[in-house]
Structures are given as C-alpha cells and as structure tokens.
Amino acid sequence: MMHAIKSMKLNRSMLKKRKLKSKDDVYGTKNVTELYFKKSTQRDIARIRKKMFIQKEKEKRHMIYAVIATIIFFFILYLLLIP
C-alpha cells in the first residue's frame, strides 16, 4: 500500500512541474504540406479503367466459385449425415 501512495505523490509532483500553456506547446505548430499530383493523360486513365474492370470481373468470378463450392460442400455434408 505504501508503494501506491509513493507513486501517487510522485505523479502529482510531476504534474505540477508542467509548463505547457497552449495547444501549440503540446501538438506543435501546423506544417503545411504541399502535395504534387502527377497529371494523367486520357490514355493512362483508359488503361487504368480497363485494369479495374478486369480485376472486378475476376473478383466476381471468384465469389461465384466460392458460393458454388460452399453449396456443394454443405450438400455433401448433408448427404453424409442423413443416413
């Protein structure tokens, strides 16, 4: 119990020593960052859209295969547990 009292006193004494007056002292001043964005051509945008479309179609196909495999798995499990 004595240790708890000592640590509480130490924590309170440390709180009194703070000299922070404002939010800027705590968080620091704001730094403005400027972002540089690369300019894309119409050809680049079309290529990216095509890639996204192909990837989306692949994800749809994978989802359909997963659903079919799950249905087949549960059907086989059902057939094995019924008899």
N, C-alpha and C. Protein backbone atom coordinates (compact mmCIF):
# COMPACT_ATOMS: atom_id res chain seq x y z
N MET A 1 0.82 -1.19 0.00
CA MET A 1 0.00 0.00 0.00
C MET A 1 0.87 1.25 0.00
N MET A 2 2.01 1.14 0.67
CA MET A 2 2.92 2.29 0.76
C MET A 2 3.44 2.66 -0.63
N HIS A 3 3.68 1.65 -1.46
CA HIS A 3 4.18 1.91 -2.81
C HIS A 3 3.16 2.71 -3.62
N ALA A 4 1.89 2.38 -3.47
CA ALA A 4 0.83 3.08 -4.20
C ALA A 4 0.79 4.55 -3.78
N ILE A 5 0.94 4.82 -2.50
CA ILE A 5 0.91 6.20 -2.00
C ILE A 5 2.12 6.97 -2.53
N LYS A 6 3.30 6.33 -2.53
CA LYS A 6 4.50 6.99 -3.03
C LYS A 6 4.39 7.31 -4.52
N SER A 7 3.87 6.37 -5.28
CA SER A 7 3.75 6.62 -6.72
C SER A 7 2.71 7.71 -6.99
N MET A 8 1.66 7.77 -6.21
CA MET A 8 0.65 8.81 -6.38
C MET A 8 1.25 10.19 -6.09
N LYS A 9 2.04 10.30 -5.04
CA LYS A 9 2.71 11.57 -4.71
C LYS A 9 3.68 11.97 -5.81
N LEU A 10 4.41 11.01 -6.34
CA LEU A 10 5.36 11.28 -7.40
C LEU A 10 4.64 11.79 -8.66
N ASN A 11 3.53 11.14 -8.99
CA ASN A 11 2.76 11.56 -10.17
C ASN A 11 2.22 12.97 -10.00
N ARG A 12 1.73 13.29 -8.81
CA ARG A 12 1.21 14.64 -8.57
C ARG A 12 2.32 15.69 -8.63
N SER A 13 3.49 15.35 -8.11
CA SER A 13 4.59 16.31 -8.15
C SER A 13 5.05 16.53 -9.59
N MET A 14 4.97 15.50 -10.42
CA MET A 14 5.34 15.65 -11.82
C MET A 14 4.33 16.51 -12.57
N LEU A 15 3.06 16.41 -12.20
CA LEU A 15 2.04 17.23 -12.84
C LEU A 15 2.25 18.70 -12.56
N LYS A 16 2.71 19.02 -11.39
CA LYS A 16 2.91 20.42 -11.00
C LYS A 16 4.06 21.05 -11.78
N LYS A 17 5.01 20.27 -12.27
CA LYS A 17 6.18 20.79 -12.94
C LYS A 17 5.92 21.15 -14.40
N ARG A 18 4.74 20.87 -14.91
CA ARG A 18 4.45 21.16 -16.32
C ARG A 18 4.45 22.65 -16.57
N LYS A 19 4.95 23.03 -17.74
CA LYS A 19 4.97 24.43 -18.11
C LYS A 19 4.27 24.66 -19.44
N LEU A 20 3.41 23.77 -19.84
CA LEU A 20 2.71 23.91 -21.11
C LEU A 20 1.55 24.89 -20.95
N LYS A 21 1.48 25.85 -21.84
CA LYS A 21 0.49 26.89 -21.71
C LYS A 21 -0.62 26.81 -22.77
N SER A 22 -0.31 26.28 -23.95
CA SER A 22 -1.30 26.28 -25.03
C SER A 22 -1.26 24.96 -25.80
N LYS A 23 -2.17 24.85 -26.75
CA LYS A 23 -2.21 23.64 -27.58
C LYS A 23 -0.98 23.53 -28.46
N ASP A 24 -0.44 24.66 -28.88
CA ASP A 24 0.75 24.62 -29.73
C ASP A 24 1.94 24.02 -29.00
N ASP A 25 2.00 24.21 -27.69
CA ASP A 25 3.08 23.61 -26.92
C ASP A 25 2.95 22.08 -26.90
N VAL A 26 1.73 21.61 -26.91
CA VAL A 26 1.51 20.17 -26.85
C VAL A 26 1.64 19.53 -28.23
N TYR A 27 0.91 20.09 -29.21
CA TYR A 27 0.84 19.47 -30.52
C TYR A 27 1.87 20.02 -31.51
N GLY A 28 2.48 21.14 -31.22
CA GLY A 28 3.42 21.75 -32.14
C GLY A 28 2.67 22.63 -33.12
N THR A 29 3.41 23.40 -33.88
CA THR A 29 2.78 24.29 -34.85
C THR A 29 2.40 23.50 -36.10
N LYS A 30 1.46 24.04 -36.86
CA LYS A 30 0.99 23.36 -38.06
C LYS A 30 2.01 23.52 -39.17
N ASN A 31 2.28 22.41 -39.83
CA ASN A 31 3.14 22.45 -41.01
C ASN A 31 2.27 22.20 -42.23
N VAL A 32 2.35 23.07 -43.19
CA VAL A 32 1.54 22.92 -44.39
C VAL A 32 2.34 22.09 -45.39
N THR A 33 1.78 20.96 -45.78
CA THR A 33 2.44 20.13 -46.77
C THR A 33 1.76 20.33 -48.12
N GLU A 34 2.56 20.49 -49.11
CA GLU A 34 2.03 20.64 -50.45
C GLU A 34 2.18 19.32 -51.18
N LEU A 35 1.10 18.87 -51.78
CA LEU A 35 1.12 17.61 -52.49
C LEU A 35 1.33 17.85 -53.98
N TYR A 36 2.06 16.96 -54.58
CA TYR A 36 2.28 17.03 -56.01
C TYR A 36 1.56 15.86 -56.66
N PHE A 37 0.63 16.16 -57.52
CA PHE A 37 -0.12 15.13 -58.22
C PHE A 37 0.34 15.06 -59.66
N LYS A 38 0.62 13.87 -60.11
CA LYS A 38 1.04 13.68 -61.48
C LYS A 38 -0.16 13.84 -62.40
N LYS A 39 0.03 14.50 -63.50
CA LYS A 39 -1.05 14.69 -64.48
C LYS A 39 -1.16 13.43 -65.34
N SER A 40 -2.38 12.94 -65.49
CA SER A 40 -2.62 11.73 -66.28
C SER A 40 -3.19 12.10 -67.64
N THR A 41 -2.81 11.32 -68.62
CA THR A 41 -3.37 11.51 -69.95
C THR A 41 -4.63 10.67 -70.08
N GLN A 42 -5.37 10.91 -71.13
CA GLN A 42 -6.59 10.12 -71.38
C GLN A 42 -6.24 8.66 -71.59
N ARG A 43 -5.11 8.39 -72.21
CA ARG A 43 -4.68 7.01 -72.46
C ARG A 43 -4.42 6.28 -71.14
N ASP A 44 -3.74 6.97 -70.20
CA ASP A 44 -3.47 6.37 -68.89
C ASP A 44 -4.77 6.07 -68.14
N ILE A 45 -5.69 7.00 -68.18
CA ILE A 45 -6.98 6.81 -67.49
C ILE A 45 -7.74 5.64 -68.08
N ALA A 46 -7.73 5.52 -69.42
CA ALA A 46 -8.42 4.40 -70.07
C ALA A 46 -7.78 3.07 -69.69
N ARG A 47 -6.45 3.05 -69.63
CA ARG A 47 -5.73 1.82 -69.26
C ARG A 47 -6.06 1.41 -67.83
N ILE A 48 -6.12 2.37 -66.93
CA ILE A 48 -6.43 2.09 -65.53
C ILE A 48 -7.86 1.59 -65.40
N ARG A 49 -8.80 2.21 -66.12
CA ARG A 49 -10.19 1.75 -66.08
C ARG A 49 -10.32 0.32 -66.58
N LYS A 50 -9.59 0.00 -67.65
CA LYS A 50 -9.64 -1.36 -68.19
C LYS A 50 -9.10 -2.37 -67.17
N LYS A 51 -8.00 -2.02 -66.50
CA LYS A 51 -7.44 -2.89 -65.47
C LYS A 51 -8.43 -3.10 -64.33
N MET A 52 -9.09 -2.01 -63.91
CA MET A 52 -10.06 -2.11 -62.83
C MET A 52 -11.24 -2.99 -63.23
N PHE A 53 -11.70 -2.86 -64.47
CA PHE A 53 -12.81 -3.68 -64.95
C PHE A 53 -12.43 -5.15 -64.96
N ILE A 54 -11.24 -5.46 -65.45
CA ILE A 54 -10.78 -6.87 -65.49
C ILE A 54 -10.66 -7.42 -64.07
N GLN A 55 -10.12 -6.62 -63.15
CA GLN A 55 -9.98 -7.08 -61.77
C GLN A 55 -11.34 -7.31 -61.13
N LYS A 56 -12.30 -6.44 -61.40
CA LYS A 56 -13.64 -6.59 -60.85
C LYS A 56 -14.30 -7.86 -61.37
N GLU A 57 -14.12 -8.15 -62.66
CA GLU A 57 -14.68 -9.38 -63.23
C GLU A 57 -14.06 -10.61 -62.59
N LYS A 58 -12.76 -10.58 -62.34
CA LYS A 58 -12.08 -11.71 -61.68
C LYS A 58 -12.65 -11.92 -60.27
N GLU A 59 -12.85 -10.82 -59.55
CA GLU A 59 -13.38 -10.93 -58.19
C GLU A 59 -14.79 -11.50 -58.20
N LYS A 60 -15.60 -11.11 -59.18
CA LYS A 60 -16.96 -11.66 -59.30
C LYS A 60 -16.89 -13.16 -59.55
N ARG A 61 -16.01 -13.57 -60.47
CA ARG A 61 -15.86 -14.99 -60.77
C ARG A 61 -15.44 -15.78 -59.54
N HIS A 62 -14.47 -15.26 -58.80
CA HIS A 62 -14.01 -15.94 -57.58
C HIS A 62 -15.13 -16.06 -56.56
N MET A 63 -15.95 -15.03 -56.43
CA MET A 63 -17.07 -15.05 -55.49
C MET A 63 -18.09 -16.11 -55.89
N ILE A 64 -18.39 -16.20 -57.18
CA ILE A 64 -19.35 -17.21 -57.66
C ILE A 64 -18.81 -18.60 -57.39
N TYR A 65 -17.50 -18.82 -57.68
CA TYR A 65 -16.90 -20.14 -57.42
C TYR A 65 -16.95 -20.48 -55.93
N ALA A 66 -16.72 -19.52 -55.08
CA ALA A 66 -16.74 -19.76 -53.64
C ALA A 66 -18.15 -20.13 -53.17
N VAL A 67 -19.15 -19.44 -53.70
CA VAL A 67 -20.54 -19.74 -53.31
C VAL A 67 -20.93 -21.14 -53.78
N ILE A 68 -20.58 -21.49 -55.01
CA ILE A 68 -20.91 -22.81 -55.54
C ILE A 68 -20.19 -23.90 -54.74
N ALA A 69 -18.92 -23.68 -54.43
CA ALA A 69 -18.17 -24.67 -53.66
C ALA A 69 -18.76 -24.84 -52.26
N THR A 70 -19.21 -23.76 -51.65
CA THR A 70 -19.83 -23.84 -50.33
C THR A 70 -21.14 -24.62 -50.38
N ILE A 71 -21.95 -24.35 -51.40
CA ILE A 71 -23.22 -25.07 -51.54
C ILE A 71 -22.96 -26.55 -51.74
N ILE A 72 -22.02 -26.90 -52.60
CA ILE A 72 -21.69 -28.32 -52.84
C ILE A 72 -21.17 -28.97 -51.57
N PHE A 73 -20.31 -28.26 -50.84
CA PHE A 73 -19.77 -28.81 -49.60
C PHE A 73 -20.87 -29.11 -48.59
N PHE A 74 -21.80 -28.19 -48.41
CA PHE A 74 -22.87 -28.42 -47.44
C PHE A 74 -23.85 -29.49 -47.93
N PHE A 75 -24.04 -29.61 -49.23
CA PHE A 75 -24.91 -30.66 -49.77
C PHE A 75 -24.29 -32.03 -49.52
N ILE A 76 -22.99 -32.17 -49.76
CA ILE A 76 -22.31 -33.44 -49.50
C ILE A 76 -22.33 -33.75 -48.01
N LEU A 77 -22.12 -32.75 -47.19
CA LEU A 77 -22.17 -32.95 -45.73
C LEU A 77 -23.56 -33.40 -45.31
N TYR A 78 -24.58 -32.82 -45.91
CA TYR A 78 -25.96 -33.20 -45.62
C TYR A 78 -26.21 -34.65 -46.02
N LEU A 79 -25.71 -35.05 -47.20
CA LEU A 79 -25.91 -36.43 -47.65
C LEU A 79 -25.18 -37.43 -46.75
N LEU A 80 -24.03 -37.04 -46.23
CA LEU A 80 -23.27 -37.95 -45.38
C LEU A 80 -23.91 -38.10 -43.98
N LEU A 81 -24.54 -37.08 -43.48
CA LEU A 81 -25.07 -37.12 -42.13
C LEU A 81 -26.50 -37.65 -42.05
N ILE A 82 -27.23 -37.67 -43.15
CA ILE A 82 -28.62 -38.14 -43.13
C ILE A 82 -28.73 -39.64 -42.89
N PRO A 83 -28.02 -40.51 -43.58
CA PRO A 83 -28.24 -41.98 -43.37
C PRO A 83 -27.76 -42.43 -42.06
